[in-house]
Amino acid sequence: MQTQSTELDFKGQNIFVGIDVHLKSWTVTILTEALTHKTFTQPACADTLCNYLNRNFPGGDYNSVYEAGFSGF
């Protein structure tokens, strides 16, 4: 009998992350090659975004871009 896995695995899949950077918050849009996941606002914290990606897209190949502005380019 075959068993069904309930564990997420995005190994080998590209995950695209667009970040609109502001001083106290980031607006983040996440897309995969097949779908638009969602757009949300979060505190301006790389660890928070990293934890979200690892929890929801484990094993994925993350590609990110951000809007050049006050924080550099």
PDB file of N, CA and C in Angstrom:
ATOM      1  N   MET A   1       0.842  -1.186   0.000  1.00  0.00           N
ATOM      2  CA  MET A   1       0.000   0.000   0.000  1.00  0.00           C
ATOM      3  C   MET A   1       0.883   1.244   0.000  1.00  0.00           C
ATOM      4  N   GLN A   2       0.517   2.214  -0.816  1.00  0.00           N
ATOM      5  CA  GLN A   2       1.268   3.455  -0.923  1.00  0.00           C
ATOM      6  C   GLN A   2       0.822   4.422   0.183  1.00  0.00           C
ATOM      7  N   THR A   3       1.798   5.142   0.756  1.00  0.00           N
ATOM      8  CA  THR A   3       1.452   6.140   1.768  1.00  0.00           C
ATOM      9  C   THR A   3       1.544   7.528   1.164  1.00  0.00           C
ATOM     10  N   GLN A   4       0.701   8.412   1.655  1.00  0.00           N
ATOM     11  CA  GLN A   4       0.676   9.782   1.163  1.00  0.00           C
ATOM     12  C   GLN A   4       1.464  10.673   2.116  1.00  0.00           C
ATOM     13  N   SER A   5       2.338  11.486   1.559  1.00  0.00           N
ATOM     14  CA  SER A   5       3.129  12.404   2.366  1.00  0.00           C
ATOM     15  C   SER A   5       2.339  13.673   2.614  1.00  0.00           C
ATOM     16  N   THR A   6       2.375  14.162   3.847  1.00  0.00           N
ATOM     17  CA  THR A   6       1.698  15.418   4.185  1.00  0.00           C
ATOM     18  C   THR A   6       2.709  16.531   4.433  1.00  0.00           C
ATOM     19  N   GLU A   7       3.961  16.254   4.151  1.00  0.00           N
ATOM     20  CA  GLU A   7       5.031  17.220   4.369  1.00  0.00           C
ATOM     21  C   GLU A   7       5.246  18.051   3.109  1.00  0.00           C
ATOM     22  N   LEU A   8       5.385  19.375   3.283  1.00  0.00           N
ATOM     23  CA  LEU A   8       5.664  20.252   2.150  1.00  0.00           C
ATOM     24  C   LEU A   8       7.094  20.058   1.673  1.00  0.00           C
ATOM     25  N   ASP A   9       7.285  20.064   0.348  1.00  0.00           N
ATOM     26  CA  ASP A   9       8.627  19.949  -0.218  1.00  0.00           C
ATOM     27  C   ASP A   9       8.675  20.708  -1.539  1.00  0.00           C
ATOM     28  N   PHE A  10       9.405  21.799  -1.555  1.00  0.00           N
ATOM     29  CA  PHE A  10       9.543  22.623  -2.748  1.00  0.00           C
ATOM     30  C   PHE A  10      10.943  22.503  -3.339  1.00  0.00           C
ATOM     31  N   LYS A  11      11.632  21.423  -3.034  1.00  0.00           N
ATOM     32  CA  LYS A  11      13.000  21.230  -3.510  1.00  0.00           C
ATOM     33  C   LYS A  11      13.046  21.327  -5.035  1.00  0.00           C
ATOM     34  N   GLY A  12      13.982  22.167  -5.509  1.00  0.00           N
ATOM     35  CA  GLY A  12      14.166  22.337  -6.943  1.00  0.00           C
ATOM     36  C   GLY A  12      13.199  23.315  -7.594  1.00  0.00           C
ATOM     37  N   GLN A  13      12.267  23.877  -6.826  1.00  0.00           N
ATOM     38  CA  GLN A  13      11.305  24.829  -7.374  1.00  0.00           C
ATOM     39  C   GLN A  13      11.743  26.254  -7.057  1.00  0.00           C
ATOM     40  N   ASN A  14      11.577  27.142  -8.027  1.00  0.00           N
ATOM     41  CA  ASN A  14      11.908  28.544  -7.828  1.00  0.00           C
ATOM     42  C   ASN A  14      10.770  29.251  -7.102  1.00  0.00           C
ATOM     43  N   ILE A  15      11.116  29.985  -6.060  1.00  0.00           N
ATOM     44  CA  ILE A  15      10.179  30.815  -5.318  1.00  0.00           C
ATOM     45  C   ILE A  15      10.653  32.253  -5.507  1.00  0.00           C
ATOM     46  N   PHE A  16       9.779  33.103  -6.033  1.00  0.00           N
ATOM     47  CA  PHE A  16      10.132  34.492  -6.326  1.00  0.00           C
ATOM     48  C   PHE A  16       9.523  35.396  -5.260  1.00  0.00           C
ATOM     49  N   VAL A  17      10.359  36.274  -4.686  1.00  0.00           N
ATOM     50  CA  VAL A  17       9.940  37.133  -3.585  1.00  0.00           C
ATOM     51  C   VAL A  17      10.235  38.582  -3.963  1.00  0.00           C
ATOM     52  N   GLY A  18       9.180  39.385  -4.097  1.00  0.00           N
ATOM     53  CA  GLY A  18       9.328  40.816  -4.355  1.00  0.00           C
ATOM     54  C   GLY A  18       9.083  41.571  -3.065  1.00  0.00           C
ATOM     55  N   ILE A  19       9.963  42.506  -2.742  1.00  0.00           N
ATOM     56  CA  ILE A  19       9.873  43.221  -1.468  1.00  0.00           C
ATOM     57  C   ILE A  19       9.857  44.725  -1.720  1.00  0.00           C
ATOM     58  N   ASP A  20       8.796  45.387  -1.267  1.00  0.00           N
ATOM     59  CA  ASP A  20       8.712  46.841  -1.287  1.00  0.00           C
ATOM     60  C   ASP A  20       9.144  47.308   0.097  1.00  0.00           C
ATOM     61  N   VAL A  21      10.316  47.906   0.167  1.00  0.00           N
ATOM     62  CA  VAL A  21      10.976  48.203   1.441  1.00  0.00           C
ATOM     63  C   VAL A  21      10.573  49.577   1.971  1.00  0.00           C
ATOM     64  N   HIS A  22      10.128  49.609   3.211  1.00  0.00           N
ATOM     65  CA  HIS A  22       9.868  50.851   3.940  1.00  0.00           C
ATOM     66  C   HIS A  22      10.624  50.781   5.260  1.00  0.00           C
ATOM     67  N   LEU A  23      10.705  51.876   5.945  1.00  0.00           N
ATOM     68  CA  LEU A  23      11.501  51.931   7.169  1.00  0.00           C
ATOM     69  C   LEU A  23      11.026  50.933   8.230  1.00  0.00           C
ATOM     70  N   LYS A  24       9.732  50.856   8.477  1.00  0.00           N
ATOM     71  CA  LYS A  24       9.219  50.002   9.554  1.00  0.00           C
ATOM     72  C   LYS A  24       8.475  48.764   9.069  1.00  0.00           C
ATOM     73  N   SER A  25       8.191  48.672   7.769  1.00  0.00           N
ATOM     74  CA  SER A  25       7.468  47.513   7.257  1.00  0.00           C
ATOM     75  C   SER A  25       7.890  47.208   5.818  1.00  0.00           C
ATOM     76  N   TRP A  26       7.641  45.980   5.414  1.00  0.00           N
ATOM     77  CA  TRP A  26       7.878  45.538   4.045  1.00  0.00           C
ATOM     78  C   TRP A  26       6.571  44.989   3.490  1.00  0.00           C
ATOM     79  N   THR A  27       6.288  45.299   2.239  1.00  0.00           N
ATOM     80  CA  THR A  27       5.197  44.640   1.545  1.00  0.00           C
ATOM     81  C   THR A  27       5.842  43.576   0.667  1.00  0.00           C
ATOM     82  N   VAL A  28       5.418  42.355   0.852  1.00  0.00           N
ATOM     83  CA  VAL A  28       6.063  41.201   0.220  1.00  0.00           C
ATOM     84  C   VAL A  28       5.055  40.497  -0.696  1.00  0.00           C
ATOM     85  N   THR A  29       5.485  40.169  -1.913  1.00  0.00           N
ATOM     86  CA  THR A  29       4.688  39.343  -2.823  1.00  0.00           C
ATOM     87  C   THR A  29       5.490  38.086  -3.126  1.00  0.00           C
ATOM     88  N   ILE A  30       4.829  36.950  -3.009  1.00  0.00           N
ATOM     89  CA  ILE A  30       5.496  35.663  -3.239  1.00  0.00           C
ATOM     90  C   ILE A  30       4.797  34.946  -4.389  1.00  0.00           C
ATOM     91  N   LEU A  31       5.611  34.503  -5.359  1.00  0.00           N
ATOM     92  CA  LEU A  31       5.116  33.749  -6.498  1.00  0.00           C
ATOM     93  C   LEU A  31       5.936  32.476  -6.650  1.00  0.00           C
ATOM     94  N   THR A  32       5.306  31.453  -7.180  1.00  0.00           N
ATOM     95  CA  THR A  32       6.032  30.261  -7.612  1.00  0.00           C
ATOM     96  C   THR A  32       5.983  30.261  -9.131  1.00  0.00           C
ATOM     97  N   GLU A  33       6.547  29.252  -9.741  1.00  0.00           N
ATOM     98  CA  GLU A  33       6.484  29.166 -11.196  1.00  0.00           C
ATOM     99  C   GLU A  33       5.060  28.906 -11.668  1.00  0.00           C
ATOM    100  N   ALA A  34       4.213  28.384 -10.781  1.00  0.00           N
ATOM    101  CA  ALA A  34       2.863  28.002 -11.172  1.00  0.00           C
ATOM    102  C   ALA A  34       1.768  28.940 -10.667  1.00  0.00           C
ATOM    103  N   LEU A  35       2.028  29.700  -9.590  1.00  0.00           N
ATOM    104  CA  LEU A  35       0.950  30.503  -9.020  1.00  0.00           C
ATOM    105  C   LEU A  35       1.468  31.695  -8.237  1.00  0.00           C
ATOM    106  N   THR A  36       0.556  32.649  -8.018  1.00  0.00           N
ATOM    107  CA  THR A  36       0.835  33.762  -7.123  1.00  0.00           C
ATOM    108  C   THR A  36       0.355  33.338  -5.749  1.00  0.00           C
ATOM    109  N   HIS A  37       1.263  33.286  -4.786  1.00  0.00           N
ATOM    110  CA  HIS A  37       0.898  32.837  -3.438  1.00  0.00           C
ATOM    111  C   HIS A  37       0.088  33.906  -2.738  1.00  0.00           C
ATOM    112  N   LYS A  38       0.711  35.044  -2.435  1.00  0.00           N
ATOM    113  CA  LYS A  38      -0.012  36.151  -1.825  1.00  0.00           C
ATOM    114  C   LYS A  38       0.886  37.360  -1.657  1.00  0.00           C
ATOM    115  N   THR A  39       0.239  38.478  -1.338  1.00  0.00           N
ATOM    116  CA  THR A  39       0.923  39.720  -0.989  1.00  0.00           C
ATOM    117  C   THR A  39       0.524  40.058   0.439  1.00  0.00           C
ATOM    118  N   PHE A  40       1.511  40.428   1.251  1.00  0.00           N
ATOM    119  CA  PHE A  40       1.231  40.746   2.646  1.00  0.00           C
ATOM    120  C   PHE A  40       2.235  41.771   3.146  1.00  0.00           C
ATOM    121  N   THR A  41       1.912  42.404   4.265  1.00  0.00           N
ATOM    122  CA  THR A  41       2.803  43.367   4.902  1.00  0.00           C
ATOM    123  C   THR A  41       3.327  42.745   6.182  1.00  0.00           C
ATOM    124  N   GLN A  42       4.610  42.942   6.440  1.00  0.00           N
ATOM    125  CA  GLN A  42       5.246  42.389   7.629  1.00  0.00           C
ATOM    126  C   GLN A  42       6.205  43.426   8.197  1.00  0.00           C
ATOM    127  N   PRO A  43       6.639  43.232   9.442  1.00  0.00           N
ATOM    128  CA  PRO A  43       7.664  44.121   9.994  1.00  0.00           C
ATOM    129  C   PRO A  43       8.939  44.048   9.137  1.00  0.00           C
ATOM    130  N   ALA A  44       9.692  45.113   9.115  1.00  0.00           N
ATOM    131  CA  ALA A  44      10.936  45.169   8.341  1.00  0.00           C
ATOM    132  C   ALA A  44      12.004  44.333   9.037  1.00  0.00           C
ATOM    133  N   CYS A  45      11.925  43.025   8.839  1.00  0.00           N
ATOM    134  CA  CYS A  45      12.826  42.096   9.524  1.00  0.00           C
ATOM    135  C   CYS A  45      13.114  40.902   8.617  1.00  0.00           C
ATOM    136  N   ALA A  46      14.377  40.727   8.253  1.00  0.00           N
ATOM    137  CA  ALA A  46      14.776  39.623   7.375  1.00  0.00           C
ATOM    138  C   ALA A  46      14.496  38.269   8.011  1.00  0.00           C
ATOM    139  N   ASP A  47      14.691  38.143   9.329  1.00  0.00           N
ATOM    140  CA  ASP A  47      14.439  36.863  10.005  1.00  0.00           C
ATOM    141  C   ASP A  47      12.969  36.456   9.909  1.00  0.00           C
ATOM    142  N   THR A  48      12.073  37.426  10.009  1.00  0.00           N
ATOM    143  CA  THR A  48      10.641  37.135   9.903  1.00  0.00           C
ATOM    144  C   THR A  48      10.310  36.585   8.527  1.00  0.00           C
ATOM    145  N   LEU A  49      10.846  37.207   7.487  1.00  0.00           N
ATOM    146  CA  LEU A  49      10.600  36.738   6.125  1.00  0.00           C
ATOM    147  C   LEU A  49      11.241  35.376   5.893  1.00  0.00           C
ATOM    148  N   CYS A  50      12.440  35.194   6.356  1.00  0.00           N
ATOM    149  CA  CYS A  50      13.140  33.909   6.216  1.00  0.00           C
ATOM    150  C   CYS A  50      12.352  32.782   6.881  1.00  0.00           C
ATOM    151  N   ASN A  51      11.863  33.032   8.082  1.00  0.00           N
ATOM    152  CA  ASN A  51      11.066  32.022   8.789  1.00  0.00           C
ATOM    153  C   ASN A  51       9.792  31.694   8.019  1.00  0.00           C
ATOM    154  N   TYR A  52       9.138  32.702   7.460  1.00  0.00           N
ATOM    155  CA  TYR A  52       7.921  32.479   6.682  1.00  0.00           C
ATOM    156  C   TYR A  52       8.218  31.598   5.463  1.00  0.00           C
ATOM    157  N   LEU A  53       9.275  31.930   4.742  1.00  0.00           N
ATOM    158  CA  LEU A  53       9.625  31.155   3.551  1.00  0.00           C
ATOM    159  C   LEU A  53       9.992  29.716   3.904  1.00  0.00           C
ATOM    160  N   ASN A  54      10.777  29.535   4.934  1.00  0.00           N
ATOM    161  CA  ASN A  54      11.170  28.174   5.331  1.00  0.00           C
ATOM    162  C   ASN A  54       9.989  27.346   5.822  1.00  0.00           C
ATOM    163  N   ARG A  55       9.032  27.994   6.460  1.00  0.00           N
ATOM    164  CA  ARG A  55       7.851  27.287   6.973  1.00  0.00           C
ATOM    165  C   ARG A  55       6.889  26.923   5.839  1.00  0.00           C
ATOM    166  N   ASN A  56       6.703  27.839   4.868  1.00  0.00           N
ATOM    167  CA  ASN A  56       5.702  27.634   3.829  1.00  0.00           C
ATOM    168  C   ASN A  56       6.247  27.082   2.517  1.00  0.00           C
ATOM    169  N   PHE A  57       7.540  27.246   2.267  1.00  0.00           N
ATOM    170  CA  PHE A  57       8.167  26.774   1.026  1.00  0.00           C
ATOM    171  C   PHE A  57       9.489  26.079   1.330  1.00  0.00           C
ATOM    172  N   PRO A  58       9.478  25.054   2.177  1.00  0.00           N
ATOM    173  CA  PRO A  58      10.733  24.408   2.556  1.00  0.00           C
ATOM    174  C   PRO A  58      11.441  23.776   1.353  1.00  0.00           C
ATOM    175  N   GLY A  59      12.741  24.009   1.293  1.00  0.00           N
ATOM    176  CA  GLY A  59      13.553  23.410   0.238  1.00  0.00           C
ATOM    177  C   GLY A  59      13.534  24.168  -1.069  1.00  0.00           C
ATOM    178  N   GLY A  60      12.741  25.230  -1.163  1.00  0.00           N
ATOM    179  CA  GLY A  60      12.653  25.992  -2.404  1.00  0.00           C
ATOM    180  C   GLY A  60      13.927  26.777  -2.685  1.00  0.00           C
ATOM    181  N   ASP A  61      14.095  27.163  -3.942  1.00  0.00           N
ATOM    182  CA  ASP A  61      15.202  28.035  -4.341  1.00  0.00           C
ATOM    183  C   ASP A  61      14.642  29.455  -4.371  1.00  0.00           C
ATOM    184  N   TYR A  62      15.018  30.271  -3.387  1.00  0.00           N
ATOM    185  CA  TYR A  62      14.460  31.603  -3.223  1.00  0.00           C
ATOM    186  C   TYR A  62      15.203  32.615  -4.090  1.00  0.00           C
ATOM    187  N   ASN A  63      14.435  33.413  -4.822  1.00  0.00           N
ATOM    188  CA  ASN A  63      14.957  34.488  -5.660  1.00  0.00           C
ATOM    189  C   ASN A  63      14.245  35.759  -5.225  1.00  0.00           C
ATOM    190  N   SER A  64      14.989  36.766  -4.803  1.00  0.00           N
ATOM    191  CA  SER A  64      14.324  37.968  -4.297  1.00  0.00           C
ATOM    192  C   SER A  64      14.821  39.223  -4.998  1.00  0.00           C
ATOM    193  N   VAL A  65      13.931  40.201  -5.042  1.00  0.00           N
ATOM    194  CA  VAL A  65      14.238  41.529  -5.555  1.00  0.00           C
ATOM    195  C   VAL A  65      13.586  42.528  -4.615  1.00  0.00           C
ATOM    196  N   TYR A  66      14.155  43.727  -4.569  1.00  0.00           N
ATOM    197  CA  TYR A  66      13.526  44.772  -3.768  1.00  0.00           C
ATOM    198  C   TYR A  66      13.631  46.091  -4.507  1.00  0.00           C
ATOM    199  N   GLU A  67      12.752  46.996  -4.121  1.00  0.00           N
ATOM    200  CA  GLU A  67      12.738  48.317  -4.714  1.00  0.00           C
ATOM    201  C   GLU A  67      13.904  49.126  -4.175  1.00  0.00           C
ATOM    202  N   ALA A  68      14.738  49.627  -5.051  1.00  0.00           N
ATOM    203  CA  ALA A  68      15.853  50.469  -4.616  1.00  0.00           C
ATOM    204  C   ALA A  68      15.301  51.765  -4.048  1.00  0.00           C
ATOM    205  N   GLY A  69      15.883  52.189  -2.958  1.00  0.00           N
ATOM    206  CA  GLY A  69      15.388  53.409  -2.322  1.00  0.00           C
ATOM    207  C   GLY A  69      16.343  53.860  -1.238  1.00  0.00           C
ATOM    208  N   PHE A  70      15.780  54.284  -0.117  1.00  0.00           N
ATOM    209  CA  PHE A  70      16.575  54.832   0.975  1.00  0.00           C
ATOM    210  C   PHE A  70      17.609  53.839   1.511  1.00  0.00           C
ATOM    211  N   SER A  71      17.326  52.542   1.377  1.00  0.00           N
ATOM    212  CA  SER A  71      18.209  51.530   1.960  1.00  0.00           C
ATOM    213  C   SER A  71      19.308  51.077   1.007  1.00  0.00           C
ATOM    214  N   GLY A  72      19.377  51.663  -0.147  1.00  0.00           N
ATOM    215  CA  GLY A  72      20.433  51.295  -1.091  1.00  0.00           C
ATOM    216  C   GLY A  72      19.875  50.722  -2.375  1.00  0.00           C
ATOM    217  N   PHE A  73      20.774  50.271  -3.219  1.00  0.00           N
ATOM    218  CA  PHE A  73      20.369  49.644  -4.475  1.00  0.00           C
ATOM    219  C   PHE A  73      21.458  48.739  -4.967  1.00  0.00           C
TER     220      PHE A  73
END
